[in-house]
Amino acid sequence: MIGKYLLDYKEFTHYMDGHITRIDNDVSMRLTKAEYVSNDKAKRKKLKNRISTSLSGFEERIRKLESSFVEEMSAFKRK
């Protein structure tokens, strides 16, 4: 009888070791709050820089189009 319980215990511990190993692997792959916050800040900063460069590019294009429009209007008025 004791032998059967020892075998059951051995099988159970082997079974649980597999589950514990899987859980440990899952936990190690997750982000901590500090890692998430630092990644989020870096992504926000990168996105903010990209938006500001795009916005400045659009503003420059608008200025060029506006100056071209003014030149064309003055040429039209002269004619």
C-alpha atoms as a PDB file:
ATOM      1  CA  MET A   1       0.000   0.000   0.000  1.00  0.00           C
ATOM      2  CA  ILE A   2       2.776   2.457   0.889  1.00  0.00           C
ATOM      3  CA  GLY A   3       4.531   1.587  -2.382  1.00  0.00           C
ATOM      4  CA  LYS A   4       1.431   2.573  -4.366  1.00  0.00           C
ATOM      5  CA  TYR A   5       1.257   5.927  -2.553  1.00  0.00           C
ATOM      6  CA  LEU A   6       4.940   6.521  -3.217  1.00  0.00           C
ATOM      7  CA  LEU A   7       4.440   5.833  -6.928  1.00  0.00           C
ATOM      8  CA  ASP A   8       1.396   8.125  -7.002  1.00  0.00           C
ATOM      9  CA  TYR A   9       3.389  10.824  -5.221  1.00  0.00           C
ATOM     10  CA  LYS A  10       6.279  10.445  -7.696  1.00  0.00           C
ATOM     11  CA  GLU A  11       3.903  10.717 -10.677  1.00  0.00           C
ATOM     12  CA  PHE A  12       2.177  13.715  -9.138  1.00  0.00           C
ATOM     13  CA  THR A  13       5.459  15.541  -8.448  1.00  0.00           C
ATOM     14  CA  HIS A  14       6.652  14.826 -12.012  1.00  0.00           C
ATOM     15  CA  TYR A  15       3.336  16.111 -13.376  1.00  0.00           C
ATOM     16  CA  MET A  16       3.473  19.249 -11.214  1.00  0.00           C
ATOM     17  CA  ASP A  17       7.129  19.925 -12.081  1.00  0.00           C
ATOM     18  CA  GLY A  18       6.111  20.186 -15.714  1.00  0.00           C
ATOM     19  CA  HIS A  19       3.353  22.654 -14.873  1.00  0.00           C
ATOM     20  CA  ILE A  20       5.612  24.704 -12.611  1.00  0.00           C
ATOM     21  CA  THR A  21       8.273  24.880 -15.319  1.00  0.00           C
ATOM     22  CA  ARG A  22       5.681  26.071 -17.848  1.00  0.00           C
ATOM     23  CA  ILE A  23       4.379  28.705 -15.441  1.00  0.00           C
ATOM     24  CA  ASP A  24       7.909  29.914 -14.681  1.00  0.00           C
ATOM     25  CA  ASN A  25       8.583  30.275 -18.410  1.00  0.00           C
ATOM     26  CA  ASP A  26       5.340  32.199 -18.901  1.00  0.00           C
ATOM     27  CA  VAL A  27       6.092  34.545 -16.015  1.00  0.00           C
ATOM     28  CA  SER A  28       9.627  35.219 -17.228  1.00  0.00           C
ATOM     29  CA  MET A  29       8.303  36.230 -20.654  1.00  0.00           C
ATOM     30  CA  ARG A  30       5.932  38.869 -19.278  1.00  0.00           C
ATOM     31  CA  LEU A  31       6.780  42.541 -18.928  1.00  0.00           C
ATOM     32  CA  THR A  32       7.093  44.243 -15.613  1.00  0.00           C
ATOM     33  CA  LYS A  33       5.337  47.547 -15.001  1.00  0.00           C
ATOM     34  CA  ALA A  34       8.634  49.447 -15.113  1.00  0.00           C
ATOM     35  CA  GLU A  35       9.555  47.875 -18.466  1.00  0.00           C
ATOM     36  CA  TYR A  36       6.130  48.701 -19.865  1.00  0.00           C
ATOM     37  CA  VAL A  37       6.334  52.317 -18.710  1.00  0.00           C
ATOM     38  CA  SER A  38       9.821  52.805 -20.154  1.00  0.00           C
ATOM     39  CA  ASN A  39       8.809  51.196 -23.475  1.00  0.00           C
ATOM     40  CA  ASP A  40       5.667  53.310 -23.573  1.00  0.00           C
ATOM     41  CA  LYS A  41       7.614  56.520 -22.916  1.00  0.00           C
ATOM     42  CA  ALA A  42      10.124  55.669 -25.635  1.00  0.00           C
ATOM     43  CA  LYS A  43       7.379  54.924 -28.156  1.00  0.00           C
ATOM     44  CA  ARG A  44       5.515  58.113 -27.255  1.00  0.00           C
ATOM     45  CA  LYS A  45       8.679  60.174 -27.659  1.00  0.00           C
ATOM     46  CA  LYS A  46       9.437  58.567 -31.032  1.00  0.00           C
ATOM     47  CA  LEU A  47       5.871  59.125 -32.237  1.00  0.00           C
ATOM     48  CA  LYS A  48       5.889  62.721 -31.009  1.00  0.00           C
ATOM     49  CA  ASN A  49       9.130  63.398 -32.900  1.00  0.00           C
ATOM     50  CA  ARG A  50       7.759  61.797 -36.060  1.00  0.00           C
ATOM     51  CA  ILE A  51       4.582  63.881 -35.858  1.00  0.00           C
ATOM     52  CA  SER A  52       6.498  67.110 -35.258  1.00  0.00           C
ATOM     53  CA  THR A  53       8.824  66.480 -38.232  1.00  0.00           C
ATOM     54  CA  SER A  54       5.837  65.667 -40.462  1.00  0.00           C
ATOM     55  CA  LEU A  55       4.031  68.774 -39.266  1.00  0.00           C
ATOM     56  CA  SER A  56       7.039  70.992 -39.906  1.00  0.00           C
ATOM     57  CA  GLY A  57       7.373  69.455 -43.393  1.00  0.00           C
ATOM     58  CA  PHE A  58       3.734  70.208 -44.146  1.00  0.00           C
ATOM     59  CA  GLU A  59       4.094  73.760 -42.852  1.00  0.00           C
ATOM     60  CA  GLU A  60       7.122  74.284 -45.110  1.00  0.00           C
ATOM     61  CA  ARG A  61       5.189  72.981 -48.119  1.00  0.00           C
ATOM     62  CA  ILE A  62       2.301  75.324 -47.303  1.00  0.00           C
ATOM     63  CA  ARG A  63       4.694  78.298 -47.079  1.00  0.00           C
ATOM     64  CA  LYS A  64       6.193  77.410 -50.473  1.00  0.00           C
ATOM     65  CA  LEU A  65       2.762  77.044 -52.056  1.00  0.00           C
ATOM     66  CA  GLU A  66       1.641  80.319 -50.512  1.00  0.00           C
ATOM     67  CA  SER A  67       4.667  82.194 -51.854  1.00  0.00           C
ATOM     68  CA  SER A  68       4.146  80.612 -55.273  1.00  0.00           C
ATOM     69  CA  PHE A  69       0.498  81.632 -55.179  1.00  0.00           C
ATOM     70  CA  VAL A  70       1.410  85.221 -54.270  1.00  0.00           C
ATOM     71  CA  GLU A  71       3.895  85.377 -57.150  1.00  0.00           C
ATOM     72  CA  GLU A  72       1.340  83.994 -59.611  1.00  0.00           C
ATOM     73  CA  MET A  73      -1.314  86.445 -58.389  1.00  0.00           C
ATOM     74  CA  SER A  74       1.043  89.406 -58.748  1.00  0.00           C
ATOM     75  CA  ALA A  75       1.973  88.243 -62.270  1.00  0.00           C
ATOM     76  CA  PHE A  76      -1.696  87.893 -63.098  1.00  0.00           C
ATOM     77  CA  LYS A  77      -2.472  91.400 -61.788  1.00  0.00           C
ATOM     78  CA  ARG A  78       0.362  92.861 -63.872  1.00  0.00           C
ATOM     79  CA  LYS A  79      -1.064  91.320 -67.025  1.00  0.00           C
END
